[in-house]
């Protein structure tokens, strides 16, 4: 499984090239983003794909020295239970 980066998102495609998982974020100024949506197809449920997508956003925002508002319920849950993300949480 390859996680790819698109415009303000990370995503996973199936073998046919159709998206089956994504996390979408929106920049809100120079130093802040909002995670708006995380979606994972039922075929990938239980494989930790959503967690990997959140981790990719966190990794990118750390490099860019941005903070994150996890508005999406899934991302918020991941931030609430992962203390390692406190440094990038707005």
PDB file of N, CA and C in Angstrom:
ATOM      1  N   UNK A   1       0.839  -1.177   0.000  1.00  0.00           N
ATOM      2  CA  UNK A   1       0.000   0.000   0.000  1.00  0.00           C
ATOM      3  C   UNK A   1       0.886   1.244   0.000  1.00  0.00           C
ATOM      4  N   UNK A   2       0.619   2.111  -0.930  1.00  0.00           N
ATOM      5  CA  UNK A   2       1.397   3.336  -1.057  1.00  0.00           C
ATOM      6  C   UNK A   2       0.519   4.537  -0.717  1.00  0.00           C
ATOM      7  N   UNK A   3       0.973   5.341   0.239  1.00  0.00           N
ATOM      8  CA  UNK A   3       0.274   6.581   0.561  1.00  0.00           C
ATOM      9  C   UNK A   3       0.887   7.674  -0.291  1.00  0.00           C
ATOM     10  N   UNK A   4       0.038   8.322  -1.068  1.00  0.00           N
ATOM     11  CA  UNK A   4       0.485   9.372  -1.982  1.00  0.00           C
ATOM     12  C   UNK A   4       0.061  10.733  -1.457  1.00  0.00           C
ATOM     13  N   UNK A   5       0.794  11.742  -1.884  1.00  0.00           N
ATOM     14  CA  UNK A   5       0.460  13.105  -1.492  1.00  0.00           C
ATOM     15  C   UNK A   5      -0.138  13.843  -2.682  1.00  0.00           C
ATOM     16  N   UNK A   6      -1.278  14.497  -2.447  1.00  0.00           N
ATOM     17  CA  UNK A   6      -1.911  15.327  -3.454  1.00  0.00           C
ATOM     18  C   UNK A   6      -1.987  16.754  -2.952  1.00  0.00           C
ATOM     19  N   UNK A   7      -2.784  17.551  -3.616  1.00  0.00           N
ATOM     20  CA  UNK A   7      -2.971  18.946  -3.210  1.00  0.00           C
ATOM     21  C   UNK A   7      -3.807  18.981  -1.933  1.00  0.00           C
ATOM     22  N   UNK A   8      -3.186  19.320  -0.818  1.00  0.00           N
ATOM     23  CA  UNK A   8      -3.843  19.411   0.490  1.00  0.00           C
ATOM     24  C   UNK A   8      -4.487  18.090   0.921  1.00  0.00           C
ATOM     25  N   UNK A   9      -3.850  16.989   0.561  1.00  0.00           N
ATOM     26  CA  UNK A   9      -4.372  15.692   0.979  1.00  0.00           C
ATOM     27  C   UNK A   9      -3.310  14.610   0.831  1.00  0.00           C
ATOM     28  N   UNK A  10      -3.561  13.514   1.527  1.00  0.00           N
ATOM     29  CA  UNK A  10      -2.841  12.265   1.323  1.00  0.00           C
ATOM     30  C   UNK A  10      -3.888  11.229   0.982  1.00  0.00           C
ATOM     31  N   UNK A  11      -3.529  10.248   0.159  1.00  0.00           N
ATOM     32  CA  UNK A  11      -4.530   9.282  -0.286  1.00  0.00           C
ATOM     33  C   UNK A  11      -3.893   7.948  -0.656  1.00  0.00           C
ATOM     34  N   UNK A  12      -4.757   6.941  -0.751  1.00  0.00           N
ATOM     35  CA  UNK A  12      -4.359   5.597  -1.169  1.00  0.00           C
ATOM     36  C   UNK A  12      -5.283   5.198  -2.309  1.00  0.00           C
ATOM     37  N   UNK A  13      -4.706   4.674  -3.375  1.00  0.00           N
ATOM     38  CA  UNK A  13      -5.486   4.170  -4.502  1.00  0.00           C
ATOM     39  C   UNK A  13      -5.500   2.642  -4.482  1.00  0.00           C
ATOM     40  N   UNK A  14      -6.543   2.067  -5.076  1.00  0.00           N
ATOM     41  CA  UNK A  14      -6.571   0.618  -5.246  1.00  0.00           C
ATOM     42  C   UNK A  14      -5.758   0.249  -6.484  1.00  0.00           C
ATOM     43  N   UNK A  15      -5.734  -1.019  -6.826  1.00  0.00           N
ATOM     44  CA  UNK A  15      -4.938  -1.500  -7.959  1.00  0.00           C
ATOM     45  C   UNK A  15      -5.370  -0.884  -9.286  1.00  0.00           C
ATOM     46  N   UNK A  16      -6.646  -0.478  -9.368  1.00  0.00           N
ATOM     47  CA  UNK A  16      -7.158   0.123 -10.601  1.00  0.00           C
ATOM     48  C   UNK A  16      -6.916   1.633 -10.648  1.00  0.00           C
ATOM     49  N   UNK A  17      -6.360   2.186  -9.582  1.00  0.00           N
ATOM     50  CA  UNK A  17      -6.079   3.621  -9.553  1.00  0.00           C
ATOM     51  C   UNK A  17      -7.187   4.478  -8.975  1.00  0.00           C
ATOM     52  N   UNK A  18      -8.198   3.842  -8.411  1.00  0.00           N
ATOM     53  CA  UNK A  18      -9.298   4.585  -7.791  1.00  0.00           C
ATOM     54  C   UNK A  18      -8.981   4.834  -6.319  1.00  0.00           C
ATOM     55  N   UNK A  19      -9.310   6.037  -5.814  1.00  0.00           N
ATOM     56  CA  UNK A  19      -9.024   6.326  -4.405  1.00  0.00           C
ATOM     57  C   UNK A  19      -9.869   5.468  -3.463  1.00  0.00           C
ATOM     58  N   UNK A  20      -9.220   4.914  -2.437  1.00  0.00           N
ATOM     59  CA  UNK A  20      -9.916   4.089  -1.448  1.00  0.00           C
ATOM     60  C   UNK A  20      -9.724   4.612  -0.023  1.00  0.00           C
ATOM     61  N   UNK A  21      -8.862   5.625   0.131  1.00  0.00           N
ATOM     62  CA  UNK A  21      -8.666   6.252   1.443  1.00  0.00           C
ATOM     63  C   UNK A  21      -8.063   7.633   1.213  1.00  0.00           C
ATOM     64  N   UNK A  22      -8.473   8.589   2.079  1.00  0.00           N
ATOM     65  CA  UNK A  22      -7.904   9.927   1.953  1.00  0.00           C
ATOM     66  C   UNK A  22      -8.055  10.697   3.249  1.00  0.00           C
ATOM     67  N   UNK A  23      -7.177  11.670   3.394  1.00  0.00           N
ATOM     68  CA  UNK A  23      -7.289  12.654   4.459  1.00  0.00           C
ATOM     69  C   UNK A  23      -7.095  14.006   3.796  1.00  0.00           C
ATOM     70  N   UNK A  24      -8.014  14.925   4.079  1.00  0.00           N
ATOM     71  CA  UNK A  24      -8.025  16.228   3.421  1.00  0.00           C
ATOM     72  C   UNK A  24      -7.840  17.316   4.477  1.00  0.00           C
ATOM     73  N   UNK A  25      -6.946  18.246   4.172  1.00  0.00           N
ATOM     74  CA  UNK A  25      -6.723  19.364   5.089  1.00  0.00           C
ATOM     75  C   UNK A  25      -6.765  20.680   4.316  1.00  0.00           C
ATOM     76  N   UNK A  26      -7.036  21.761   5.063  1.00  0.00           N
ATOM     77  CA  UNK A  26      -7.144  23.083   4.461  1.00  0.00           C
ATOM     78  C   UNK A  26      -6.220  24.043   5.204  1.00  0.00           C
ATOM     79  N   UNK A  27      -5.301  24.690   4.495  1.00  0.00           N
ATOM     80  CA  UNK A  27      -4.479  25.708   5.144  1.00  0.00           C
ATOM     81  C   UNK A  27      -5.346  26.900   5.558  1.00  0.00           C
ATOM     82  N   UNK A  28      -5.095  27.406   6.748  1.00  0.00           N
ATOM     83  CA  UNK A  28      -5.815  28.595   7.220  1.00  0.00           C
ATOM     84  C   UNK A  28      -4.783  29.588   7.730  1.00  0.00           C
ATOM     85  N   UNK A  29      -4.054  30.163   6.827  1.00  0.00           N
ATOM     86  CA  UNK A  29      -2.969  31.068   7.177  1.00  0.00           C
ATOM     87  C   UNK A  29      -1.631  30.387   6.946  1.00  0.00           C
ATOM     88  N   UNK A  30      -0.569  31.072   7.333  1.00  0.00           N
ATOM     89  CA  UNK A  30       0.777  30.566   7.075  1.00  0.00           C
ATOM     90  C   UNK A  30       1.190  29.418   7.985  1.00  0.00           C
ATOM     91  N   UNK A  31       0.642  29.374   9.195  1.00  0.00           N
ATOM     92  CA  UNK A  31       1.138  28.418  10.175  1.00  0.00           C
ATOM     93  C   UNK A  31       0.087  27.488  10.745  1.00  0.00           C
ATOM     94  N   UNK A  32      -1.037  27.338  10.064  1.00  0.00           N
ATOM     95  CA  UNK A  32      -2.136  26.551  10.607  1.00  0.00           C
ATOM     96  C   UNK A  32      -2.879  25.823   9.495  1.00  0.00           C
ATOM     97  N   UNK A  33      -3.286  24.579   9.795  1.00  0.00           N
ATOM     98  CA  UNK A  33      -4.162  23.842   8.880  1.00  0.00           C
ATOM     99  C   UNK A  33      -5.305  23.242   9.689  1.00  0.00           C
ATOM    100  N   UNK A  34      -6.374  22.894   8.975  1.00  0.00           N
ATOM    101  CA  UNK A  34      -7.515  22.204   9.565  1.00  0.00           C
ATOM    102  C   UNK A  34      -7.664  20.878   8.836  1.00  0.00           C
ATOM    103  N   UNK A  35      -7.671  19.771   9.584  1.00  0.00           N
ATOM    104  CA  UNK A  35      -7.986  18.476   8.972  1.00  0.00           C
ATOM    105  C   UNK A  35      -9.498  18.397   8.895  1.00  0.00           C
ATOM    106  N   UNK A  36     -10.018  18.393   7.683  1.00  0.00           N
ATOM    107  CA  UNK A  36     -11.465  18.427   7.459  1.00  0.00           C
ATOM    108  C   UNK A  36     -12.104  17.055   7.350  1.00  0.00           C
ATOM    109  N   UNK A  37     -11.385  16.103   6.762  1.00  0.00           N
ATOM    110  CA  UNK A  37     -12.033  14.833   6.418  1.00  0.00           C
ATOM    111  C   UNK A  37     -11.009  13.709   6.376  1.00  0.00           C
ATOM    112  N   UNK A  38     -11.399  12.573   6.920  1.00  0.00           N
ATOM    113  CA  UNK A  38     -10.645  11.334   6.760  1.00  0.00           C
ATOM    114  C   UNK A  38     -11.646  10.269   6.343  1.00  0.00           C
ATOM    115  N   UNK A  39     -11.376   9.600   5.248  1.00  0.00           N
ATOM    116  CA  UNK A  39     -12.271   8.556   4.769  1.00  0.00           C
ATOM    117  C   UNK A  39     -11.484   7.333   4.345  1.00  0.00           C
ATOM    118  N   UNK A  40     -11.976   6.164   4.748  1.00  0.00           N
ATOM    119  CA  UNK A  40     -11.328   4.896   4.390  1.00  0.00           C
ATOM    120  C   UNK A  40     -12.414   3.937   3.914  1.00  0.00           C
ATOM    121  N   UNK A  41     -12.209   3.364   2.743  1.00  0.00           N
ATOM    122  CA  UNK A  41     -13.149   2.404   2.178  1.00  0.00           C
ATOM    123  C   UNK A  41     -13.266   1.187   3.094  1.00  0.00           C
ATOM    124  N   UNK A  42     -14.433   0.579   3.087  1.00  0.00           N
ATOM    125  CA  UNK A  42     -14.697  -0.600   3.923  1.00  0.00           C
ATOM    126  C   UNK A  42     -13.697  -1.732   3.663  1.00  0.00           C
ATOM    127  N   UNK A  43     -13.176  -1.812   2.452  1.00  0.00           N
ATOM    128  CA  UNK A  43     -12.216  -2.874   2.126  1.00  0.00           C
ATOM    129  C   UNK A  43     -10.902  -2.739   2.891  1.00  0.00           C
ATOM    130  N   UNK A  44     -10.642  -1.553   3.438  1.00  0.00           N
ATOM    131  CA  UNK A  44      -9.404  -1.308   4.183  1.00  0.00           C
ATOM    132  C   UNK A  44      -9.626  -1.153   5.682  1.00  0.00           C
ATOM    133  N   UNK A  45     -10.861  -1.250   6.121  1.00  0.00           N
ATOM    134  CA  UNK A  45     -11.171  -1.058   7.543  1.00  0.00           C
ATOM    135  C   UNK A  45     -10.394  -2.046   8.408  1.00  0.00           C
ATOM    136  N   UNK A  46      -9.959  -1.560   9.567  1.00  0.00           N
ATOM    137  CA  UNK A  46      -9.246  -2.409  10.507  1.00  0.00           C
ATOM    138  C   UNK A  46      -7.775  -2.611  10.207  1.00  0.00           C
ATOM    139  N   UNK A  47      -7.255  -1.948   9.181  1.00  0.00           N
ATOM    140  CA  UNK A  47      -5.852  -2.108   8.806  1.00  0.00           C
ATOM    141  C   UNK A  47      -4.980  -0.941   9.253  1.00  0.00           C
ATOM    142  N   UNK A  48      -5.574   0.021   9.960  1.00  0.00           N
ATOM    143  CA  UNK A  48      -4.802   1.163  10.457  1.00  0.00           C
ATOM    144  C   UNK A  48      -4.493   2.216   9.424  1.00  0.00           C
ATOM    145  N   UNK A  49      -5.203   2.193   8.300  1.00  0.00           N
ATOM    146  CA  UNK A  49      -4.934   3.135   7.218  1.00  0.00           C
ATOM    147  C   UNK A  49      -5.235   4.573   7.652  1.00  0.00           C
ATOM    148  N   UNK A  50      -6.335   4.774   8.363  1.00  0.00           N
ATOM    149  CA  UNK A  50      -6.681   6.114   8.833  1.00  0.00           C
ATOM    150  C   UNK A  50      -5.594   6.683   9.730  1.00  0.00           C
ATOM    151  N   UNK A  51      -5.070   5.860  10.632  1.00  0.00           N
ATOM    152  CA  UNK A  51      -3.990   6.286  11.526  1.00  0.00           C
ATOM    153  C   UNK A  51      -2.750   6.673  10.735  1.00  0.00           C
ATOM    154  N   UNK A  52      -2.437   5.892   9.704  1.00  0.00           N
ATOM    155  CA  UNK A  52      -1.277   6.202   8.865  1.00  0.00           C
ATOM    156  C   UNK A  52      -1.458   7.524   8.132  1.00  0.00           C
ATOM    157  N   UNK A  53      -2.683   7.795   7.684  1.00  0.00           N
ATOM    158  CA  UNK A  53      -2.952   9.051   6.988  1.00  0.00           C
ATOM    159  C   UNK A  53      -2.780  10.242   7.936  1.00  0.00           C
ATOM    160  N   UNK A  54      -3.300  10.116   9.154  1.00  0.00           N
ATOM    161  CA  UNK A  54      -3.127  11.186  10.146  1.00  0.00           C
ATOM    162  C   UNK A  54      -1.639  11.397  10.413  1.00  0.00           C
ATOM    163  N   UNK A  55      -0.901  10.316  10.565  1.00  0.00           N
ATOM    164  CA  UNK A  55       0.539  10.412  10.829  1.00  0.00           C
ATOM    165  C   UNK A  55       1.278  11.120   9.700  1.00  0.00           C
ATOM    166  N   UNK A  56       0.864  10.895   8.472  1.00  0.00           N
ATOM    167  CA  UNK A  56       1.488  11.568   7.319  1.00  0.00           C
ATOM    168  C   UNK A  56       1.281  13.074   7.389  1.00  0.00           C
ATOM    169  N   UNK A  57       0.068  13.495   7.742  1.00  0.00           N
ATOM    170  CA  UNK A  57      -0.202  14.931   7.866  1.00  0.00           C
ATOM    171  C   UNK A  57       0.642  15.523   8.994  1.00  0.00           C
ATOM    172  N   UNK A  58       0.688  14.834  10.117  1.00  0.00           N
ATOM    173  CA  UNK A  58       1.478  15.313  11.258  1.00  0.00           C
ATOM    174  C   UNK A  58       2.947  15.460  10.860  1.00  0.00           C
ATOM    175  N   UNK A  59       3.475  14.455  10.188  1.00  0.00           N
ATOM    176  CA  UNK A  59       4.874  14.483   9.746  1.00  0.00           C
ATOM    177  C   UNK A  59       5.141  15.693   8.847  1.00  0.00           C
ATOM    178  N   UNK A  60       4.258  15.917   7.886  1.00  0.00           N
ATOM    179  CA  UNK A  60       4.418  17.042   6.956  1.00  0.00           C
ATOM    180  C   UNK A  60       4.335  18.382   7.687  1.00  0.00           C
ATOM    181  N   UNK A  61       3.391  18.519   8.604  1.00  0.00           N
ATOM    182  CA  UNK A  61       3.227  19.797   9.303  1.00  0.00           C
ATOM    183  C   UNK A  61       4.369  20.059  10.276  1.00  0.00           C
ATOM    184  N   UNK A  62       4.947  19.021  10.828  1.00  0.00           N
ATOM    185  CA  UNK A  62       6.146  19.216  11.658  1.00  0.00           C
ATOM    186  C   UNK A  62       7.279  19.784  10.820  1.00  0.00           C
ATOM    187  N   UNK A  63       7.468  19.223   9.631  1.00  0.00           N
ATOM    188  CA  UNK A  63       8.522  19.731   8.734  1.00  0.00           C
ATOM    189  C   UNK A  63       8.278  21.183   8.367  1.00  0.00           C
ATOM    190  N   UNK A  64       7.004  21.517   8.154  1.00  0.00           N
ATOM    191  CA  UNK A  64       6.642  22.883   7.729  1.00  0.00           C
ATOM    192  C   UNK A  64       6.417  23.829   8.908  1.00  0.00           C
ATOM    193  N   UNK A  65       6.564  23.314  10.130  1.00  0.00           N
ATOM    194  CA  UNK A  65       6.377  24.095  11.351  1.00  0.00           C
ATOM    195  C   UNK A  65       4.992  24.750  11.411  1.00  0.00           C
ATOM    196  N   UNK A  66       3.982  23.925  11.105  1.00  0.00           N
ATOM    197  CA  UNK A  66       2.591  24.371  11.172  1.00  0.00           C
ATOM    198  C   UNK A  66       1.872  23.644  12.298  1.00  0.00           C
ATOM    199  N   UNK A  67       0.803  24.247  12.769  1.00  0.00           N
ATOM    200  CA  UNK A  67      -0.056  23.631  13.776  1.00  0.00           C
ATOM    201  C   UNK A  67      -1.293  23.068  13.085  1.00  0.00           C
ATOM    202  N   UNK A  68      -1.964  22.142  13.766  1.00  0.00           N
ATOM    203  CA  UNK A  68      -3.103  21.432  13.189  1.00  0.00           C
ATOM    204  C   UNK A  68      -4.317  21.553  14.095  1.00  0.00           C
ATOM    205  N   UNK A  69      -5.450  21.865  13.481  1.00  0.00           N
ATOM    206  CA  UNK A  69      -6.744  21.764  14.160  1.00  0.00           C
ATOM    207  C   UNK A  69      -7.417  20.515  13.593  1.00  0.00           C
ATOM    208  N   UNK A  70      -7.560  19.462  14.392  1.00  0.00           N
ATOM    209  CA  UNK A  70      -8.194  18.238  13.892  1.00  0.00           C
ATOM    210  C   UNK A  70      -9.721  18.324  13.994  1.00  0.00           C
ATOM    211  N   UNK A  71     -10.348  18.937  13.012  1.00  0.00           N
ATOM    212  CA  UNK A  71     -11.795  19.120  13.007  1.00  0.00           C
ATOM    213  C   UNK A  71     -12.541  17.816  12.704  1.00  0.00           C
ATOM    214  N   UNK A  72     -12.013  17.025  11.821  1.00  0.00           N
ATOM    215  CA  UNK A  72     -12.603  15.726  11.470  1.00  0.00           C
ATOM    216  C   UNK A  72     -12.676  14.851  12.719  1.00  0.00           C
ATOM    217  N   UNK A  73     -13.809  14.204  12.984  1.00  0.00           N
ATOM    218  CA  UNK A  73     -13.946  13.386  14.195  1.00  0.00           C
ATOM    219  C   UNK A  73     -12.890  12.292  14.332  1.00  0.00           C
ATOM    220  N   UNK A  74     -12.543  11.634  13.235  1.00  0.00           N
ATOM    221  CA  UNK A  74     -11.529  10.586  13.320  1.00  0.00           C
ATOM    222  C   UNK A  74     -10.174  11.173  13.698  1.00  0.00           C
ATOM    223  N   UNK A  75      -9.768  12.244  13.023  1.00  0.00           N
ATOM    224  CA  UNK A  75      -8.486  12.880  13.318  1.00  0.00           C
ATOM    225  C   UNK A  75      -8.469  13.407  14.749  1.00  0.00           C
ATOM    226  N   UNK A  76      -9.566  13.987  15.209  1.00  0.00           N
ATOM    227  CA  UNK A  76      -9.648  14.493  16.581  1.00  0.00           C
ATOM    228  C   UNK A  76      -9.441  13.350  17.573  1.00  0.00           C
ATOM    229  N   UNK A  77     -10.073  12.218  17.303  1.00  0.00           N
ATOM    230  CA  UNK A  77      -9.912  11.049  18.168  1.00  0.00           C
ATOM    231  C   UNK A  77      -8.445  10.611  18.218  1.00  0.00           C
ATOM    232  N   UNK A  78      -7.793  10.588  17.068  1.00  0.00           N
ATOM    233  CA  UNK A  78      -6.383  10.192  17.015  1.00  0.00           C
ATOM    234  C   UNK A  78      -5.508  11.177  17.795  1.00  0.00           C
ATOM    235  N   UNK A  79      -5.783  12.465  17.661  1.00  0.00           N
ATOM    236  CA  UNK A  79      -5.031  13.474  18.409  1.00  0.00           C
ATOM    237  C   UNK A  79      -5.282  13.346  19.903  1.00  0.00           C
ATOM    238  N   UNK A  80      -6.533  13.066  20.286  1.00  0.00           N
ATOM    239  CA  UNK A  80      -6.866  12.944  21.706  1.00  0.00           C
ATOM    240  C   UNK A  80      -6.149  11.770  22.370  1.00  0.00           C
ATOM    241  N   UNK A  81      -5.929  10.695  21.631  1.00  0.00           N
ATOM    242  CA  UNK A  81      -5.314   9.509  22.239  1.00  0.00           C
ATOM    243  C   UNK A  81      -3.817   9.376  21.955  1.00  0.00           C
ATOM    244  N   UNK A  82      -3.264  10.259  21.135  1.00  0.00           N
ATOM    245  CA  UNK A  82      -1.847  10.181  20.781  1.00  0.00           C
ATOM    246  C   UNK A  82      -1.127  11.414  21.312  1.00  0.00           C
ATOM    247  N   UNK A  83      -0.551  11.295  22.476  1.00  0.00           N
ATOM    248  CA  UNK A  83       0.129  12.435  23.126  1.00  0.00           C
ATOM    249  C   UNK A  83       1.304  12.932  22.295  1.00  0.00           C
ATOM    250  N   UNK A  84       1.851  12.086  21.451  1.00  0.00           N
ATOM    251  CA  UNK A  84       2.974  12.465  20.604  1.00  0.00           C
ATOM    252  C   UNK A  84       2.606  13.562  19.600  1.00  0.00           C
ATOM    253  N   UNK A  85       1.314  13.793  19.415  1.00  0.00           N
ATOM    254  CA  UNK A  85       0.859  14.823  18.475  1.00  0.00           C
ATOM    255  C   UNK A  85       0.644  16.172  19.140  1.00  0.00           C
ATOM    256  N   UNK A  86       0.816  16.249  20.457  1.00  0.00           N
ATOM    257  CA  UNK A  86       0.544  17.497  21.183  1.00  0.00           C
ATOM    258  C   UNK A  86       1.357  18.672  20.656  1.00  0.00           C
ATOM    259  N   UNK A  87       2.569  18.416  20.172  1.00  0.00           N
ATOM    260  CA  UNK A  87       3.420  19.507  19.705  1.00  0.00           C
ATOM    261  C   UNK A  87       2.896  20.207  18.464  1.00  0.00           C
ATOM    262  N   UNK A  88       2.056  19.530  17.680  1.00  0.00           N
ATOM    263  CA  UNK A  88       1.528  20.161  16.458  1.00  0.00           C
ATOM    264  C   UNK A  88       0.053  20.530  16.575  1.00  0.00           C
ATOM    265  N   UNK A  89      -0.558  20.213  17.688  1.00  0.00           N
ATOM    266  CA  UNK A  89      -1.988  20.525  17.852  1.00  0.00           C
ATOM    267  C   UNK A  89      -2.154  21.991  18.204  1.00  0.00           C
ATOM    268  N   UNK A  90      -3.051  22.660  17.489  1.00  0.00           N
ATOM    269  CA  UNK A  90      -3.326  24.077  17.756  1.00  0.00           C
ATOM    270  C   UNK A  90      -4.278  24.215  18.924  1.00  0.00           C
TER     271      UNK A  90
END
